Amino acid sequence: MTFCVTVEAEALGADIKLGDEKVGPRVNKYAFNNVEELKNIEEINFTKGRIHSVLEAELIY
């Protein structure tokens, strides 16, 4: 099973720092700043980006 702790946040618009040998992946800037902004989040496009790659890797595995 393929696992990623930040791929969903990135797909929803967050800016992700992928990390290095000392610190793992983490959110650098969130897609929203308060609960009211949640209503503006668009649906995830599963056909592009890192989320597509993660899902594709799961199918191959």
C-alpha atoms as a PDB file:
ATOM      1  CA  MET A   1       0.000   0.000   0.000  1.00  0.00           C
ATOM      2  CA  THR A   2       1.293   3.436  -0.946  1.00  0.00           C
ATOM      3  CA  PHE A   3       1.034   6.082   1.759  1.00  0.00           C
ATOM      4  CA  CYS A   4       1.559   9.840   1.751  1.00  0.00           C
ATOM      5  CA  VAL A   5       0.759  12.200   4.626  1.00  0.00           C
ATOM      6  CA  THR A   6       0.454  15.371   2.534  1.00  0.00           C
ATOM      7  CA  VAL A   7      -0.938  14.405  -0.862  1.00  0.00           C
ATOM      8  CA  GLU A   8      -4.578  15.185  -0.006  1.00  0.00           C
ATOM      9  CA  ALA A   9      -3.700  18.570   1.483  1.00  0.00           C
ATOM     10  CA  GLU A  10      -1.713  19.425  -1.645  1.00  0.00           C
ATOM     11  CA  ALA A  11      -4.562  18.308  -3.917  1.00  0.00           C
ATOM     12  CA  LEU A  12      -6.897  20.627  -1.999  1.00  0.00           C
ATOM     13  CA  GLY A  13      -4.579  23.595  -2.518  1.00  0.00           C
ATOM     14  CA  ALA A  14      -2.041  23.563   0.305  1.00  0.00           C
ATOM     15  CA  ASP A  15       1.614  24.346  -0.352  1.00  0.00           C
ATOM     16  CA  ILE A  16       3.747  21.364   0.711  1.00  0.00           C
ATOM     17  CA  LYS A  17       7.396  21.234   1.751  1.00  0.00           C
ATOM     18  CA  LEU A  18       8.528  17.750   0.814  1.00  0.00           C
ATOM     19  CA  GLY A  19      11.229  17.614   3.472  1.00  0.00           C
ATOM     20  CA  ASP A  20      14.757  16.302   3.574  1.00  0.00           C
ATOM     21  CA  GLU A  21      16.881  13.819   5.535  1.00  0.00           C
ATOM     22  CA  LYS A  22      16.128  15.654   8.810  1.00  0.00           C
ATOM     23  CA  VAL A  23      12.452  16.656   8.566  1.00  0.00           C
ATOM     24  CA  GLY A  24       9.623  14.875   6.756  1.00  0.00           C
ATOM     25  CA  PRO A  25       6.940  16.303   4.467  1.00  0.00           C
ATOM     26  CA  ARG A  26       4.711  18.984   5.957  1.00  0.00           C
ATOM     27  CA  VAL A  27       2.280  21.731   5.060  1.00  0.00           C
ATOM     28  CA  ASN A  28       4.075  24.997   4.373  1.00  0.00           C
ATOM     29  CA  LYS A  29       0.912  27.059   3.726  1.00  0.00           C
ATOM     30  CA  TYR A  30      -2.633  25.828   4.188  1.00  0.00           C
ATOM     31  CA  ALA A  31      -5.307  26.163   1.490  1.00  0.00           C
ATOM     32  CA  PHE A  32      -7.612  28.000   3.890  1.00  0.00           C
ATOM     33  CA  ASN A  33      -7.251  30.104   7.021  1.00  0.00           C
ATOM     34  CA  ASN A  34     -10.586  29.573   8.743  1.00  0.00           C
ATOM     35  CA  VAL A  35     -13.676  27.369   8.695  1.00  0.00           C
ATOM     36  CA  GLU A  36     -15.633  29.800   6.523  1.00  0.00           C
ATOM     37  CA  GLU A  37     -13.130  29.366   3.682  1.00  0.00           C
ATOM     38  CA  LEU A  38     -13.818  25.609   3.546  1.00  0.00           C
ATOM     39  CA  LYS A  39     -16.876  26.255   1.394  1.00  0.00           C
ATOM     40  CA  ASN A  40     -14.549  27.543  -1.373  1.00  0.00           C
ATOM     41  CA  ILE A  41     -12.461  24.399  -1.703  1.00  0.00           C
ATOM     42  CA  GLU A  42     -12.840  22.781  -5.109  1.00  0.00           C
ATOM     43  CA  GLU A  43     -13.098  19.055  -5.746  1.00  0.00           C
ATOM     44  CA  ILE A  44      -9.847  17.115  -6.035  1.00  0.00           C
ATOM     45  CA  ASN A  45      -8.709  16.403  -9.583  1.00  0.00           C
ATOM     46  CA  PHE A  46      -7.399  12.837  -9.386  1.00  0.00           C
ATOM     47  CA  THR A  47      -6.075  12.895 -12.961  1.00  0.00           C
ATOM     48  CA  LYS A  48      -3.038  15.120 -12.363  1.00  0.00           C
ATOM     49  CA  GLY A  49      -0.391  16.026  -9.837  1.00  0.00           C
ATOM     50  CA  ARG A  50       1.130  14.048  -7.024  1.00  0.00           C
ATOM     51  CA  ILE A  51      -2.207  12.554  -5.970  1.00  0.00           C
ATOM     52  CA  HIS A  52      -2.515  10.987  -9.425  1.00  0.00           C
ATOM     53  CA  SER A  53       0.995   9.538  -9.088  1.00  0.00           C
ATOM     54  CA  VAL A  54       0.256   8.095  -5.644  1.00  0.00           C
ATOM     55  CA  LEU A  55      -2.971   6.473  -6.836  1.00  0.00           C
ATOM     56  CA  GLU A  56      -1.276   5.172  -9.959  1.00  0.00           C
ATOM     57  CA  ALA A  57       1.516   3.648  -7.860  1.00  0.00           C
ATOM     58  CA  GLU A  58      -1.086   1.864  -5.737  1.00  0.00           C
ATOM     59  CA  LEU A  59      -2.588   0.288  -8.865  1.00  0.00           C
ATOM     60  CA  ILE A  60       0.830  -0.898 -10.042  1.00  0.00           C
ATOM     61  CA  TYR A  61       1.749  -2.309  -6.645  1.00  0.00           C
END
